[in-house]
Protein backbone atom coordinates (compact mmCIF):
# COMPACT_ATOMS: atom_id res chain seq x y z
CA MET A 1 19.94 -11.53 -0.54
CA ASP A 2 20.25 -14.18 2.37
CA ARG A 3 17.59 -16.57 2.55
CA GLY A 4 16.14 -18.15 5.96
CA TYR A 5 15.20 -17.01 9.25
CA LEU A 6 16.94 -13.91 10.58
CA LYS A 7 19.65 -14.83 12.95
CA ASP A 8 18.31 -18.34 13.30
CA ASP A 9 20.78 -20.72 11.31
CA LYS A 10 19.03 -23.94 12.94
CA SER A 11 15.65 -23.16 11.68
CA THR A 12 17.00 -22.20 8.33
CA LYS A 13 18.74 -25.53 7.84
CA GLU A 14 15.56 -27.29 8.92
CA ALA A 15 13.35 -25.49 6.44
CA ILE A 16 15.84 -24.83 3.44
CA ASP A 17 17.78 -27.90 2.15
CA ALA A 18 21.33 -27.86 0.57
CA GLU A 19 20.02 -27.22 -2.74
CA GLY A 20 18.05 -24.25 -1.59
CA PHE A 21 14.58 -25.73 -1.75
CA LEU A 22 12.10 -24.63 1.06
CA HIS A 23 10.09 -27.61 2.72
CA SER A 24 7.03 -25.92 3.58
CA GLY A 25 4.68 -28.84 3.71
CA ASP A 26 2.91 -27.87 0.62
CA ILE A 27 2.21 -29.92 -2.62
CA GLY A 28 3.59 -28.18 -5.90
CA MET A 29 4.86 -28.77 -9.27
CA VAL A 30 7.45 -27.13 -11.41
CA ASP A 31 5.96 -26.44 -15.14
CA ASP A 32 7.81 -26.75 -18.53
CA HIS A 33 8.86 -23.00 -17.91
CA GLY A 34 10.53 -23.64 -14.54
CA MET A 35 7.70 -21.87 -12.63
CA VAL A 36 6.68 -23.27 -9.31
CA TRP A 37 2.87 -23.75 -8.70
CA ILE A 38 1.52 -24.67 -5.34
CA THR A 39 -1.17 -26.95 -5.79
CA GLY A 40 -2.30 -28.00 -2.38
CA ARG A 41 -1.28 -28.90 1.20
CA LEU A 42 -0.25 -31.84 2.64
CA LYS A 43 -2.31 -30.99 5.81
CA GLU A 44 -4.77 -28.10 6.59
CA LEU A 45 -3.23 -27.19 9.98
CA LEU A 46 0.05 -25.76 10.93
CA ILE A 47 1.42 -26.86 14.36
CA GLY A 48 3.25 -24.06 16.08
CA ALA A 49 6.54 -24.66 18.15
CA GLY A 50 4.50 -24.80 21.30
CA GLY A 51 1.99 -27.43 19.78
CA GLU A 52 -0.79 -25.05 19.07
CA ASN A 53 -2.75 -25.82 15.90
CA ILE A 54 -3.00 -22.87 13.43
CA ALA A 55 -5.36 -23.09 10.51
CA PRO A 56 -3.60 -21.08 7.58
CA VAL A 57 -6.63 -20.82 5.24
CA PRO A 58 -8.60 -18.37 7.25
CA VAL A 59 -5.47 -16.17 7.60
CA GLU A 60 -4.53 -16.33 3.89
CA GLU A 61 -8.40 -15.47 2.83
CA ALA A 62 -8.34 -12.43 5.49
CA ILE A 63 -4.94 -11.06 4.01
CA LYS A 64 -6.47 -11.34 0.38
CA LYS A 65 -9.70 -9.56 1.87
CA GLU A 66 -7.84 -6.89 3.44
CA MET A 67 -5.27 -6.08 0.63
CA SER A 68 -6.66 -5.92 -2.79
CA ALA A 69 -3.24 -5.56 -4.28
CA VAL A 70 -2.34 -9.07 -3.10
CA SER A 71 -3.07 -11.75 -5.51
CA ASN A 72 -2.12 -14.73 -3.48
CA CYS A 73 -0.43 -15.72 -0.55
CA MET A 74 0.61 -18.68 1.62
CA MET A 75 1.36 -19.23 5.21
CA VAL A 76 4.29 -21.25 6.51
CA GLY A 77 5.55 -22.05 9.70
CA ASP A 78 4.91 -25.63 10.86
CA ARG A 79 6.96 -26.45 13.97
CA LYS A 80 8.37 -23.02 14.17
CA LYS A 81 8.47 -20.22 16.72
CA PHE A 82 6.53 -17.94 14.35
CA ASN A 83 4.60 -18.13 11.29
CA THR A 84 5.47 -16.40 7.97
CA VAL A 85 3.40 -15.48 4.83
CA LEU A 86 4.81 -15.40 1.38
CA ILE A 87 2.81 -12.85 -0.53
CA CYS A 88 2.46 -12.45 -4.33
CA LEU A 89 1.33 -8.97 -5.70
CA HIS A 90 -0.96 -8.35 -8.93
CA THR A 91 1.41 -8.35 -11.90
CA ARG A 92 0.98 -8.04 -15.49
CA VAL A 93 0.67 -11.30 -17.11
CA ASP A 94 2.77 -11.89 -20.56
CA GLU A 95 0.21 -12.48 -23.17
CA LYS A 96 2.31 -14.77 -25.16
CA SER A 97 3.55 -17.02 -22.43
CA GLY A 98 0.70 -16.55 -20.03
CA GLU A 99 3.41 -16.13 -17.38
CA PRO A 100 3.47 -13.40 -14.77
CA THR A 101 5.86 -10.47 -15.37
CA ASN A 102 7.74 -8.14 -12.92
CA GLU A 103 5.49 -5.36 -13.69
CA LEU A 104 2.85 -4.38 -11.07
CA ALA A 105 -0.84 -4.35 -12.49
CA GLY A 106 -4.44 -3.68 -11.32
CA ALA A 107 -4.81 -2.88 -7.64
CA ALA A 108 -1.11 -2.99 -7.09
CA LEU A 109 -0.74 0.09 -9.02
CA LYS A 110 -3.41 1.72 -6.73
CA ILE A 111 -2.01 1.94 -3.37
CA GLY A 112 -0.16 5.32 -3.52
CA SER A 113 3.11 4.14 -4.24
CA LYS A 114 5.28 5.23 -7.41
CA ALA A 115 6.61 1.62 -7.69
CA SER A 116 5.89 0.17 -10.90
CA THR A 117 7.82 -3.23 -10.46
CA ILE A 118 8.19 -6.17 -7.89
CA GLU A 119 11.92 -4.64 -7.16
CA GLU A 120 10.69 -1.14 -6.72
CA ALA A 121 7.92 -2.47 -4.29
CA LYS A 122 10.23 -4.32 -2.24
CA LYS A 123 12.16 -1.17 -1.45
CA CYS A 124 9.19 1.23 -1.05
CA SER A 125 8.00 2.52 2.20
CA VAL A 126 4.54 2.99 1.13
CA TRP A 127 4.58 -0.79 0.07
CA LYS A 128 6.01 -1.62 3.51
CA SER A 129 3.25 0.35 5.38
CA TYR A 130 0.46 -1.13 3.22
CA LEU A 131 1.49 -4.64 3.87
CA GLU A 132 2.25 -4.04 7.61
CA LYS A 133 -1.24 -2.27 8.07
CA GLY A 134 -2.96 -4.99 6.06
CA ILE A 135 -1.55 -7.86 7.97
CA GLU A 136 -2.64 -6.01 11.29
CA ARG A 137 -6.18 -5.68 9.97
CA ALA A 138 -6.23 -9.35 8.80
CA ASN A 139 -4.89 -10.59 11.98
CA ARG A 140 -7.75 -8.65 13.89
CA LEU A 141 -10.25 -10.08 11.41
CA VAL A 142 -9.26 -13.73 12.13
CA LEU A 143 -8.84 -13.26 16.01
CA PHE A 144 -11.89 -11.19 16.50
CA ASN A 145 -14.07 -12.32 13.65
CA VAL A 146 -14.76 -8.63 12.63
């Protein structure tokens, strides 16, 4: 799978370094098991390419409110032409290690899809529709405070 911005090599090179790290403006850590944890933000506003200030937290909260299958999300896009949201789905947690598995769990199994893993969800038209419609509802929530 290619990583980066679609047909925008310049933005990809600015955001993803030679070692493959995404520079999102967030604070994080890597635990003893190699898992990456987002622990905070360097700043609470994203600045759009046109200079507009965008508060990501209300958008992230609206997304989680509108889609119960989403366990967490993070908006990125500082100084970019458009913003992107990284979405995590509810998955089963390994009881021994405490780490998330690839298996969907809870609300992520109740959207009407036959997908039972993250890989299956990525290819599923039901999931695509669920996420697109959820993002549309979240955008309306944030824009119109409904």
